[in-house]
Amino acid sequence: MSATAKQKSLVPELRFSGFDGEWAQYSLSELVNNVGGTALESHTDKQGTHKFISIGNYSTTGIYIDNGQRVVLNDKTKTKLLDKNNLAMVLNDKTASGDIIGSTILIDEDDSYIYNQRTERLVCKENFLPKYAWLYLNSPRFRKRIVKISQGGTQIYVNFPSVKRELVLIPKSNEQQKIADFLGSVDAWLDNLRAQKTALQSYKQGMMQKLFSGQVRFKDEAGKSFPDWITSNLDSLGEVKTSSVDKLSSTDERPVKLLNYMDVYRRDHVYNADIFQDVTANDREISTFNLRQGDILFTPSSETPIDIGHSAVVMEDLDEVLYSYHLVRFRPKENVFIGRFAGYAFKSYLFYKEFWRRAQGATRYTLSLESIKDASVTYPPSLAEQQKIADFLTALDQTITAKADEITKVEEWKKGLMQKMFV
């Protein structure tokens, strides 16, 4: 044990039975060997054979996010090849809050990962077990310390010489293994829950494809088939209208709320309880660009064609909430659509294709008002069939939401455990 380790010893609040004695204190530099990364973005390629570890691959929990980016193995990149049980720690964050700074990935296999600049490779010494180290370095307590020593403004960073001076308290290897095994079982539980959620989401997507392509049809209450579906363009089904409302300076103004592009992009449904921007408008603007229950709002521009045409359904009459000129409002004729059905219909793959093929642009893609009016949607004329489809998909969404809530609760429980199991 080093001289540093003799200076201070502590024990955690929560401990397994059968273990006693104080934990030993080290600086991180005494527990790991480290090697910094190198800029390797120019070596990424779709035909690459190795997973890339860069800032976009880190999560808040230390789980590797595979975004499909791959790197070619050559004389330069192979110097940054990681071995199984190495750790990769990110040293910067694109935000000021530091959600991922210090996030550390445990490498799960040899000859599979190559790390980029602003990532530090950590190789654990004999008295610091890799799985335990991964858990400790991702613990809320340690990550808060990394944020505290970071630098910068809107995008923060930390230098590893500062990180490796941080003190780490560890038990003997057998207790480290016990902690790692226990928290590993919690992680396995979380992995199972996440897999269940992913399976539910995949099932929902598959069912939407079948429902909106007519492969799967519901029967009415008497067991008879509903009428055939109809294909019409939006302009014939209701009013498609842009807005001129932004931060207005007009006569006879009074306070209203404004629903913007990101308000629609972030949600599928719009309610009065949602938070909107404060603006002013006159009576003509309020009467012209208002929002009623059943209205559909579209985002007519995006940086990529695949993101264009996101929609949100207005679920209730909004109290003096207007929509901005960044959006397009579709107001269906009476008894054409049930609101929740429309929400799903306009998010189906078949409908999205209508927008994708009409999108124009180079660096930013847009849909003209005329192209939106001309977009066609295939739908059941029977409101009863629409209701059955909406009820079925809503039930699936509720199940997915319940599974997401369960995951969140277990993640919070794990965080609480880690707060008490580490010092």
Protein backbone atom coordinates (compact mmCIF):
# COMPACT_ATOMS: atom_id res chain seq x y z
CA MET A 1 0.00 0.00 0.00
CA SER A 2 1.32 3.46 -0.89
CA ALA A 3 2.02 6.25 1.54
CA THR A 4 -1.10 7.98 0.22
CA ALA A 5 -3.20 4.99 1.18
CA LYS A 6 -2.12 5.19 4.83
CA GLN A 7 -3.43 8.70 5.26
CA LYS A 8 -7.15 7.98 5.30
CA SER A 9 -9.56 5.03 5.43
CA LEU A 10 -13.36 4.95 5.31
CA VAL A 11 -16.20 2.47 5.05
CA PRO A 12 -19.39 2.74 2.94
CA GLU A 13 -22.86 3.29 4.36
CA LEU A 14 -24.14 0.02 2.83
CA ARG A 15 -22.00 -3.09 2.99
CA PHE A 16 -22.36 -6.84 2.50
CA SER A 17 -22.18 -9.01 5.60
CA GLY A 18 -18.94 -10.87 6.13
CA PHE A 19 -16.76 -7.92 5.20
CA ASP A 20 -15.15 -5.59 7.69
CA GLY A 21 -12.18 -3.30 7.96
CA GLU A 22 -11.65 0.10 6.45
CA TRP A 23 -11.31 0.82 2.75
CA ALA A 24 -7.97 2.04 1.44
CA GLN A 25 -7.48 5.38 -0.28
CA TYR A 26 -5.45 5.84 -3.46
CA SER A 27 -5.16 8.42 -6.15
CA LEU A 28 -6.58 7.13 -9.44
CA SER A 29 -3.05 7.27 -10.92
CA GLU A 30 -2.02 4.56 -8.43
CA LEU A 31 -4.78 2.26 -9.64
CA VAL A 32 -4.63 2.57 -13.44
CA ASN A 33 -2.20 3.11 -16.28
CA ASN A 34 -3.45 5.52 -18.90
CA VAL A 35 -2.87 6.43 -22.55
CA GLY A 36 -4.55 9.37 -24.30
CA GLY A 37 -6.40 9.20 -27.60
CA THR A 38 -5.56 10.60 -31.04
CA ALA A 39 -7.70 12.31 -33.68
CA LEU A 40 -8.86 9.45 -35.92
CA GLU A 41 -12.01 10.87 -37.53
CA SER A 42 -10.34 10.80 -40.95
CA HIS A 43 -10.00 7.02 -40.67
CA THR A 44 -13.70 6.33 -40.20
CA ASP A 45 -15.39 4.53 -43.07
CA LYS A 46 -18.55 2.52 -43.69
CA GLN A 47 -16.31 -0.40 -44.63
CA GLY A 48 -14.34 -0.12 -41.37
CA THR A 49 -14.00 -3.24 -39.26
CA HIS A 50 -13.77 -1.78 -35.75
CA LYS A 51 -16.21 0.11 -33.55
CA PHE A 52 -15.24 3.72 -32.94
CA ILE A 53 -15.28 5.26 -29.48
CA SER A 54 -15.84 8.99 -29.74
CA ILE A 55 -18.05 11.43 -27.83
CA GLY A 56 -21.21 10.24 -29.57
CA ASN A 57 -20.72 6.71 -28.24
CA TYR A 58 -20.88 7.57 -24.54
CA SER A 59 -24.04 7.37 -22.45
CA THR A 60 -24.87 8.74 -19.03
CA THR A 61 -24.69 5.20 -17.61
CA GLY A 62 -21.39 4.08 -19.13
CA ILE A 63 -23.08 1.83 -21.70
CA TYR A 64 -21.57 1.98 -25.20
CA ILE A 65 -23.93 3.52 -27.77
CA ASP A 66 -23.37 1.92 -31.15
CA ASN A 67 -24.20 4.62 -33.72
CA GLY A 68 -22.85 2.52 -36.57
CA GLN A 69 -19.62 4.47 -36.97
CA ARG A 70 -16.68 2.26 -37.89
CA VAL A 71 -12.94 2.85 -38.27
CA VAL A 72 -10.41 1.21 -40.60
CA LEU A 73 -7.60 -0.76 -38.99
CA ASN A 74 -4.20 0.51 -40.17
CA ASP A 75 -0.77 1.39 -38.77
CA LYS A 76 -2.08 4.55 -37.11
CA THR A 77 -5.41 3.32 -35.76
CA LYS A 78 -4.11 0.02 -34.39
CA THR A 79 -2.09 1.96 -31.80
CA LYS A 80 -5.45 2.91 -30.26
CA LEU A 81 -6.90 -0.58 -30.31
CA LEU A 82 -8.48 -1.54 -26.98
CA ASP A 83 -8.29 -4.87 -25.16
CA LYS A 84 -11.00 -6.62 -23.21
CA ASN A 85 -11.39 -5.14 -19.70
CA ASN A 86 -9.76 -1.85 -20.68
CA LEU A 87 -11.74 1.25 -19.76
CA ALA A 88 -12.39 4.22 -22.04
CA MET A 89 -13.20 7.55 -20.34
CA VAL A 90 -14.54 10.60 -22.19
CA LEU A 91 -12.91 13.91 -21.24
CA ASN A 92 -15.32 16.42 -22.76
CA ASP A 93 -19.03 17.15 -23.01
CA LYS A 94 -21.09 19.07 -25.55
CA THR A 95 -23.11 20.64 -22.74
CA ALA A 96 -22.35 22.74 -19.67
CA SER A 97 -24.19 20.33 -17.37
CA GLY A 98 -21.65 17.54 -17.84
CA ASP A 99 -24.13 14.72 -18.40
CA ILE A 100 -21.52 12.44 -19.96
CA ILE A 101 -18.15 13.95 -19.00
CA GLY A 102 -16.18 11.23 -17.19
CA SER A 103 -18.50 8.52 -18.51
CA THR A 104 -16.48 5.33 -18.76
CA ILE A 105 -17.02 2.33 -21.05
CA LEU A 106 -15.89 -1.18 -20.07
CA ILE A 107 -14.54 -2.95 -23.15
CA ASP A 108 -16.24 -6.32 -23.54
CA GLU A 109 -14.02 -8.03 -26.13
CA ASP A 110 -10.56 -7.93 -27.72
CA ASP A 111 -9.82 -6.46 -31.14
CA SER A 112 -13.18 -4.71 -31.56
CA TYR A 113 -12.86 -1.07 -30.40
CA ILE A 114 -10.60 1.85 -31.36
CA TYR A 115 -10.71 5.09 -29.38
CA ASN A 116 -10.56 8.68 -30.55
CA GLN A 117 -9.13 11.92 -29.18
CA ARG A 118 -10.53 13.27 -25.88
CA THR A 119 -10.87 9.69 -24.67
CA GLU A 120 -8.43 8.17 -22.19
CA ARG A 121 -7.57 4.49 -22.14
CA LEU A 122 -7.37 3.10 -18.60
CA VAL A 123 -5.75 -0.24 -17.76
CA CYS A 124 -6.50 -1.38 -14.23
CA LYS A 125 -3.74 -2.55 -11.96
CA GLU A 126 -4.01 -5.80 -10.02
CA ASN A 127 -5.83 -4.37 -6.98
CA PHE A 128 -8.51 -2.55 -9.02
CA LEU A 129 -10.88 -4.99 -10.71
CA PRO A 130 -12.10 -3.72 -14.13
CA LYS A 131 -15.83 -4.35 -13.51
CA TYR A 132 -15.63 -2.70 -10.09
CA ALA A 133 -13.61 0.19 -11.56
CA TRP A 134 -16.26 0.68 -14.26
CA LEU A 135 -19.00 0.84 -11.64
CA TYR A 136 -17.02 3.17 -9.37
CA LEU A 137 -16.01 5.59 -12.12
CA ASN A 138 -19.62 5.79 -13.33
CA SER A 139 -21.04 6.25 -9.83
CA PRO A 140 -22.90 9.53 -9.23
CA ARG A 141 -20.44 10.46 -6.49
CA PHE A 142 -17.34 10.18 -8.69
CA ARG A 143 -18.94 11.71 -11.79
CA LYS A 144 -19.95 14.80 -9.80
CA ARG A 145 -16.30 15.24 -8.85
CA ILE A 146 -15.31 15.15 -12.53
CA VAL A 147 -17.85 17.87 -13.35
CA LYS A 148 -16.50 19.93 -10.46
CA ILE A 149 -12.92 19.90 -11.79
CA SER A 150 -13.94 20.46 -15.43
CA GLN A 151 -13.33 23.67 -17.38
CA GLY A 152 -15.10 25.58 -20.14
CA GLY A 153 -18.46 27.22 -20.66
CA THR A 154 -21.17 25.87 -22.96
CA GLN A 155 -18.98 22.83 -23.73
CA ILE A 156 -16.90 21.62 -20.81
CA TYR A 157 -13.76 19.49 -20.74
CA VAL A 158 -11.36 18.02 -18.22
CA ASN A 159 -7.66 17.17 -18.48
CA PHE A 160 -6.74 13.66 -17.38
CA PRO A 161 -3.84 14.81 -15.17
CA SER A 162 -6.53 16.44 -13.03
CA VAL A 163 -8.69 13.31 -13.09
CA LYS A 164 -5.90 10.97 -12.04
CA ARG A 165 -5.21 13.06 -8.94
CA GLU A 166 -8.73 12.31 -7.69
CA LEU A 167 -8.84 10.04 -4.65
CA VAL A 168 -10.48 6.61 -4.85
CA LEU A 169 -11.42 4.44 -1.87
CA ILE A 170 -11.50 0.71 -2.53
CA PRO A 171 -11.98 -2.49 -0.53
CA LYS A 172 -9.97 -5.67 -1.02
CA SER A 173 -10.45 -7.58 -4.26
CA ASN A 174 -12.92 -10.14 -2.86
CA GLU A 175 -15.26 -7.37 -1.69
CA GLN A 176 -14.85 -5.55 -5.01
CA GLN A 177 -15.91 -8.76 -6.74
CA LYS A 178 -18.95 -9.13 -4.47
CA ILE A 179 -20.09 -5.58 -5.23
CA ALA A 180 -19.45 -6.03 -8.96
CA ASP A 181 -21.40 -9.31 -9.02
CA PHE A 182 -24.37 -7.80 -7.19
CA LEU A 183 -24.56 -4.66 -9.32
CA GLY A 184 -23.93 -6.84 -12.36
CA SER A 185 -27.15 -8.72 -11.54
CA VAL A 186 -28.96 -5.36 -11.37
CA ASP A 187 -27.49 -4.48 -14.78
CA ALA A 188 -28.68 -7.82 -16.15
CA TRP A 189 -32.16 -6.98 -14.85
CA LEU A 190 -31.99 -3.59 -16.56
CA ASP A 191 -30.73 -5.18 -19.80
CA ASN A 192 -33.70 -7.54 -19.74
CA LEU A 193 -36.15 -4.67 -19.18
CA ARG A 194 -34.57 -2.65 -21.99
CA ALA A 195 -34.76 -5.67 -24.29
CA GLN A 196 -38.47 -6.02 -23.44
CA LYS A 197 -39.03 -2.35 -24.23
CA THR A 198 -37.15 -2.67 -27.53
CA ALA A 199 -39.20 -5.74 -28.45
CA LEU A 200 -42.44 -3.88 -27.71
CA GLN A 201 -41.32 -0.92 -29.82
CA SER A 202 -40.41 -3.24 -32.69
CA TYR A 203 -43.75 -5.01 -32.41
CA LYS A 204 -45.57 -1.67 -32.48
CA GLN A 205 -43.67 -0.56 -35.59
CA GLY A 206 -44.42 -3.86 -37.28
CA MET A 207 -48.10 -3.62 -36.42
CA MET A 208 -48.30 -0.03 -37.67
CA GLN A 209 -46.81 -1.19 -40.96
CA LYS A 210 -49.39 -3.97 -41.24
CA LEU A 211 -52.34 -1.85 -40.11
CA PHE A 212 -51.69 1.09 -42.41
CA SER A 213 -50.84 -1.10 -45.40
CA GLY A 214 -54.07 -3.08 -44.98
CA GLN A 215 -52.35 -6.39 -44.13
CA VAL A 216 -54.21 -6.47 -40.81
CA ARG A 217 -57.83 -5.32 -40.52
CA PHE A 218 -60.25 -5.16 -37.61
CA LYS A 219 -63.87 -6.35 -37.75
CA ASP A 220 -66.90 -4.43 -36.51
CA GLU A 221 -68.86 -5.45 -33.42
CA ALA A 222 -70.95 -7.89 -35.50
CA GLY A 223 -67.80 -9.53 -36.88
CA LYS A 224 -68.26 -7.98 -40.32
CA SER A 225 -65.62 -6.23 -42.41
CA PHE A 226 -65.38 -2.47 -42.33
CA PRO A 227 -65.64 -0.51 -45.64
CA ASP A 228 -62.58 -0.30 -47.90
CA TRP A 229 -60.02 2.37 -47.12
CA ILE A 230 -59.89 5.62 -49.09
CA THR A 231 -56.88 7.52 -50.45
CA SER A 232 -57.13 11.32 -50.59
CA ASN A 233 -54.77 14.26 -50.50
CA LEU A 234 -54.73 16.50 -47.44
CA ASP A 235 -56.16 19.50 -49.27
CA SER A 236 -59.40 17.61 -50.00
CA LEU A 237 -59.70 16.44 -46.39
CA GLY A 238 -59.40 19.79 -44.67
CA GLU A 239 -57.56 23.10 -44.48
CA VAL A 240 -53.77 23.20 -44.81
CA LYS A 241 -52.47 26.55 -43.63
CA THR A 242 -49.19 28.26 -42.79
CA SER A 243 -48.86 30.99 -40.17
CA SER A 244 -47.30 34.45 -40.11
CA VAL A 245 -47.00 34.53 -36.33
CA ASP A 246 -43.65 34.95 -34.61
CA LYS A 247 -42.57 37.63 -32.14
CA LEU A 248 -45.13 40.15 -33.27
CA SER A 249 -45.30 43.91 -32.94
CA SER A 250 -48.82 44.79 -33.96
CA THR A 251 -51.62 47.09 -32.90
CA ASP A 252 -54.20 46.14 -30.28
CA GLU A 253 -51.89 43.46 -28.95
CA ARG A 254 -52.64 41.17 -26.07
CA PRO A 255 -50.65 38.32 -24.47
CA VAL A 256 -50.91 34.86 -26.03
CA LYS A 257 -48.80 31.71 -26.18
CA LEU A 258 -46.84 30.53 -29.22
CA LEU A 259 -46.20 26.94 -30.21
CA ASN A 260 -42.89 26.65 -32.06
CA TYR A 261 -41.09 24.11 -34.24
CA MET A 262 -39.35 22.32 -31.35
CA ASP A 263 -42.60 22.17 -29.36
CA VAL A 264 -43.97 19.94 -32.13
CA TYR A 265 -40.73 18.08 -32.83
CA ARG A 266 -40.39 17.00 -29.19
CA ARG A 267 -43.91 15.64 -28.73
CA ASP A 268 -46.66 13.63 -30.39
CA HIS A 269 -49.61 15.29 -28.65
CA VAL A 270 -50.26 18.90 -27.60
CA TYR A 271 -52.19 19.92 -24.48
CA ASN A 272 -52.97 23.16 -22.67
CA ALA A 273 -50.65 22.11 -19.84
CA ASP A 274 -47.60 22.19 -22.15
CA ILE A 275 -45.25 25.15 -21.78
CA PHE A 276 -45.12 27.60 -24.67
CA GLN A 277 -43.45 30.89 -25.48
CA ASP A 278 -45.06 34.17 -24.39
CA VAL A 279 -45.80 36.56 -27.28
CA THR A 280 -48.38 39.18 -28.22
CA ALA A 281 -50.87 39.14 -31.10
CA ASN A 282 -53.93 41.02 -32.31
CA ASP A 283 -57.48 39.71 -32.61
CA ARG A 284 -57.18 38.87 -36.33
CA GLU A 285 -54.07 36.77 -35.74
CA ILE A 286 -55.64 35.03 -32.77
CA SER A 287 -58.74 34.11 -34.76
CA THR A 288 -56.74 33.01 -37.82
CA PHE A 289 -53.84 31.03 -36.34
CA ASN A 290 -55.51 29.39 -33.35
CA LEU A 291 -55.45 25.70 -32.50
CA ARG A 292 -58.42 23.41 -31.95
CA GLN A 293 -58.83 19.84 -30.85
CA GLY A 294 -58.02 17.53 -33.77
CA ASP A 295 -55.64 19.90 -35.57
CA ILE A 296 -52.44 18.32 -36.89
CA LEU A 297 -49.21 20.31 -36.90
CA PHE A 298 -46.34 19.45 -39.24
CA THR A 299 -42.68 20.50 -39.23
CA PRO A 300 -42.05 21.42 -42.90
CA SER A 301 -38.25 21.63 -42.73
CA SER A 302 -35.33 19.62 -41.39
CA GLU A 303 -31.59 19.09 -41.81
CA THR A 304 -32.26 15.58 -43.12
CA PRO A 305 -35.11 14.33 -45.33
CA ILE A 306 -35.90 11.48 -42.94
CA ASP A 307 -36.75 13.91 -40.10
CA ILE A 308 -39.05 16.09 -42.17
CA GLY A 309 -42.81 16.17 -41.58
CA HIS A 310 -42.87 15.29 -37.89
CA SER A 311 -46.44 15.72 -36.65
CA ALA A 312 -48.25 16.36 -33.39
CA VAL A 313 -52.00 16.20 -32.72
CA VAL A 314 -53.77 18.91 -30.73
CA MET A 315 -55.71 16.92 -28.14
CA GLU A 316 -57.94 19.73 -26.82
CA ASP A 317 -58.92 23.27 -27.76
CA LEU A 318 -55.96 25.42 -26.77
CA ASP A 319 -56.60 28.64 -24.88
CA GLU A 320 -55.18 31.38 -27.10
CA VAL A 321 -52.18 29.35 -28.21
CA LEU A 322 -51.07 30.13 -31.76
CA TYR A 323 -48.71 28.24 -34.04
CA SER A 324 -45.60 29.87 -35.48
CA TYR A 325 -44.62 30.40 -39.11
CA HIS A 326 -42.17 27.48 -38.73
CA LEU A 327 -45.15 25.08 -38.74
CA VAL A 328 -48.03 24.03 -40.98
CA ARG A 329 -51.51 23.37 -39.55
CA PHE A 330 -53.84 20.78 -41.04
CA ARG A 331 -57.42 21.15 -39.80
CA PRO A 332 -59.45 18.12 -40.94
CA LYS A 333 -63.10 18.44 -41.91
CA GLU A 334 -65.59 17.28 -39.31
CA ASN A 335 -65.89 13.50 -38.86
CA VAL A 336 -62.95 12.69 -41.13
CA PHE A 337 -60.44 11.67 -38.46
CA ILE A 338 -60.40 10.70 -34.82
CA GLY A 339 -57.54 12.65 -33.26
CA ARG A 340 -55.53 9.73 -31.89
CA PHE A 341 -55.96 7.75 -35.10
CA ALA A 342 -54.65 10.72 -37.12
CA GLY A 343 -51.67 10.94 -34.79
CA TYR A 344 -50.69 7.40 -35.72
CA ALA A 345 -51.66 7.64 -39.40
CA PHE A 346 -49.42 10.65 -40.00
CA LYS A 347 -46.52 8.86 -38.32
CA SER A 348 -46.85 5.71 -40.40
CA TYR A 349 -44.07 4.79 -42.80
CA LEU A 350 -46.45 4.97 -45.76
CA PHE A 351 -47.37 8.56 -45.00
CA TYR A 352 -43.81 9.66 -44.17
CA LYS A 353 -42.77 8.47 -47.64
CA GLU A 354 -45.16 11.05 -49.09
CA PHE A 355 -43.14 13.83 -47.46
CA TRP A 356 -39.70 12.32 -48.04
CA ARG A 357 -40.17 12.15 -51.79
CA ARG A 358 -41.43 15.74 -51.90
CA ALA A 359 -38.66 17.25 -49.76
CA GLN A 360 -36.36 19.69 -51.57
CA GLY A 361 -33.04 21.24 -50.63
CA ALA A 362 -29.35 20.54 -50.11
CA THR A 363 -28.13 21.55 -46.63
CA ARG A 364 -31.68 21.89 -45.29
CA TYR A 365 -34.74 20.15 -46.66
CA THR A 366 -38.14 21.81 -46.92
CA LEU A 367 -41.70 21.06 -47.94
CA SER A 368 -43.70 23.71 -49.76
CA LEU A 369 -47.27 24.37 -48.73
CA GLU A 370 -48.47 22.97 -52.06
CA SER A 371 -46.49 19.76 -51.62
CA ILE A 372 -48.04 19.24 -48.18
CA LYS A 373 -51.52 19.87 -49.58
CA ASP A 374 -50.87 17.33 -52.31
CA ALA A 375 -49.58 14.61 -49.92
CA SER A 376 -51.96 11.67 -49.90
CA VAL A 377 -53.10 9.59 -46.95
CA THR A 378 -54.89 6.26 -47.02
CA TYR A 379 -57.39 5.89 -44.19
CA PRO A 380 -60.55 4.03 -43.14
CA PRO A 381 -63.74 6.09 -43.66
CA SER A 382 -65.32 4.30 -40.71
CA LEU A 383 -64.70 6.20 -37.47
CA ALA A 384 -65.38 2.96 -35.61
CA GLU A 385 -62.44 1.29 -37.35
CA GLN A 386 -60.25 4.33 -36.69
CA GLN A 387 -61.18 4.06 -33.01
CA LYS A 388 -60.23 0.36 -32.89
CA ILE A 389 -56.85 1.09 -34.47
CA ALA A 390 -56.24 4.04 -32.13
CA ASP A 391 -57.23 1.99 -29.06
CA PHE A 392 -54.94 -0.89 -30.07
CA LEU A 393 -51.91 1.33 -30.67
CA THR A 394 -52.60 3.47 -27.59
CA ALA A 395 -52.64 0.33 -25.44
CA LEU A 396 -49.25 -0.62 -26.90
CA ASP A 397 -47.92 2.86 -26.16
CA GLN A 398 -49.14 2.62 -22.58
CA THR A 399 -47.37 -0.71 -22.17
CA ILE A 400 -44.15 0.77 -23.60
CA THR A 401 -44.45 3.79 -21.29
CA ALA A 402 -45.00 1.53 -18.28
CA LYS A 403 -41.88 -0.44 -19.23
CA ALA A 404 -39.89 2.80 -19.60
CA ASP A 405 -41.11 3.91 -16.16
CA GLU A 406 -40.04 0.56 -14.70
CA ILE A 407 -36.58 0.99 -16.22
CA THR A 408 -36.31 4.50 -14.78
CA LYS A 409 -37.27 3.27 -11.30
CA VAL A 410 -34.66 0.50 -11.38
CA GLU A 411 -32.02 2.93 -12.66
CA GLU A 412 -32.81 5.33 -9.82
CA TRP A 413 -32.72 2.47 -7.32
CA LYS A 414 -29.31 1.45 -8.67
CA LYS A 415 -28.05 5.04 -8.35
CA GLY A 416 -29.20 5.10 -4.74
CA LEU A 417 -27.40 1.84 -4.06
CA MET A 418 -24.21 3.12 -5.65
CA GLN A 419 -24.35 6.27 -3.52
CA LYS A 420 -24.33 4.07 -0.42
CA MET A 421 -22.01 1.29 -1.63
CA PHE A 422 -19.11 3.52 -2.71
CA VAL A 423 -17.11 6.11 -0.79
